[in-house]
Amino acid sequence: MSAPNVDKPKEGVVGQIGNSIQNAGKYVSETVQGKASEASKEGNKEQAKGNVPGQEAITDRASGAVGAVSDKFNQSKHDASARANKESI
């Protein structure tokens, strides 16, 4: 049995542990970012409905709707990345 190649630090037991730790960190980061996007999306949805005091104008509501769509896209992107990192742990 040969020792892992020291020129390729991501191979072998130590490299796999390092990769797992790195993927776990990325999973947590992406999960937090996904939750932040979800919260922003909900706020923008309320603005789009005209439920935010001082932002009832049609332009404010349209801006809220556009923001909600953008936040939903970001949420989906972060959730998919988090799932991929979780599976790589």
Protein backbone atom coordinates (compact mmCIF):
# COMPACT_ATOMS: atom_id res chain seq x y z
CA MET A 1 0.00 0.00 0.00
CA SER A 2 1.46 3.36 -1.02
CA ALA A 3 1.16 6.68 0.76
CA PRO A 4 -1.06 9.38 -0.77
CA ASN A 5 0.71 11.62 -3.24
CA VAL A 6 1.93 14.68 -1.32
CA ASP A 7 1.91 16.73 -4.53
CA LYS A 8 -1.89 16.46 -4.66
CA PRO A 9 -3.09 17.72 -1.27
CA LYS A 10 -6.77 17.02 -1.97
CA GLU A 11 -6.20 13.29 -2.19
CA GLY A 12 -5.95 10.80 0.61
CA VAL A 13 -7.68 10.78 3.97
CA VAL A 14 -6.40 14.18 5.08
CA GLY A 15 -7.37 15.76 1.76
CA GLN A 16 -10.82 14.22 1.92
CA ILE A 17 -11.30 15.55 5.45
CA GLY A 18 -10.20 18.99 4.27
CA ASN A 19 -12.62 18.84 1.36
CA SER A 20 -15.45 17.77 3.66
CA ILE A 21 -14.76 20.64 6.05
CA GLN A 22 -14.61 23.10 3.17
CA ASN A 23 -17.88 21.78 1.70
CA ALA A 24 -19.56 21.94 5.11
CA GLY A 25 -18.56 25.60 5.41
CA LYS A 26 -19.88 26.34 1.93
CA TYR A 27 -23.13 24.52 2.77
CA VAL A 28 -23.67 26.69 5.84
CA SER A 29 -22.83 29.86 3.92
CA GLU A 30 -25.18 29.05 1.04
CA THR A 31 -27.96 28.05 3.44
CA VAL A 32 -27.67 31.37 5.29
CA GLN A 33 -27.63 33.32 2.03
CA GLY A 34 -30.69 31.38 0.82
CA LYS A 35 -32.58 32.22 4.02
CA ALA A 36 -31.63 35.90 3.67
CA SER A 37 -32.93 35.91 0.09
CA GLU A 38 -36.14 34.26 1.27
CA ALA A 39 -36.67 36.93 3.94
CA SER A 40 -35.99 39.70 1.43
CA LYS A 41 -38.40 38.08 -1.02
CA GLU A 42 -41.16 38.06 1.59
CA GLY A 43 -40.57 41.75 2.34
CA ASN A 44 -40.68 42.59 -1.35
CA LYS A 45 -43.89 40.60 -1.76
CA GLU A 46 -45.50 42.71 0.95
CA GLN A 47 -44.29 45.86 -0.79
CA ALA A 48 -45.70 44.60 -4.10
CA LYS A 49 -49.07 44.08 -2.38
CA GLY A 50 -48.97 47.67 -1.10
CA ASN A 51 -48.69 46.60 2.54
CA VAL A 52 -45.59 48.70 3.34
CA PRO A 53 -46.43 52.14 4.78
CA GLY A 54 -45.03 54.95 2.67
CA GLN A 55 -44.49 52.70 -0.35
CA GLU A 56 -47.96 52.30 -1.78
CA ALA A 57 -47.32 54.04 -5.13
CA ILE A 58 -47.52 51.89 -8.25
CA THR A 59 -43.79 52.38 -8.90
CA ASP A 60 -43.00 51.21 -5.35
CA ARG A 61 -45.23 48.20 -5.80
CA ALA A 62 -43.66 47.35 -9.17
CA SER A 63 -40.21 47.66 -7.63
CA GLY A 64 -41.27 45.27 -4.86
CA ALA A 65 -42.51 42.76 -7.42
CA VAL A 66 -39.26 42.90 -9.41
CA GLY A 67 -37.29 42.55 -6.18
CA ALA A 68 -39.34 39.53 -5.12
CA VAL A 69 -38.67 37.77 -8.43
CA SER A 70 -34.95 38.51 -8.18
CA ASP A 71 -34.84 37.30 -4.58
CA LYS A 72 -36.66 34.08 -5.53
CA PHE A 73 -34.05 33.45 -8.23
CA ASN A 74 -31.22 34.05 -5.72
CA GLN A 75 -32.92 31.84 -3.13
CA SER A 76 -33.21 28.98 -5.62
CA LYS A 77 -29.57 29.41 -6.67
CA HIS A 78 -28.32 29.36 -3.07
CA ASP A 79 -30.53 26.41 -2.14
CA ALA A 80 -29.23 24.39 -5.11
CA SER A 81 -25.63 25.22 -4.24
CA ALA A 82 -26.23 24.28 -0.60
CA ARG A 83 -27.69 20.91 -1.65
CA ALA A 84 -24.68 20.24 -3.90
CA ASN A 85 -22.25 21.07 -1.09
CA LYS A 86 -24.20 18.93 1.38
CA GLU A 87 -24.00 15.95 -0.95
CA SER A 88 -20.24 16.47 -1.27
CA ILE A 89 -19.60 16.29 2.48
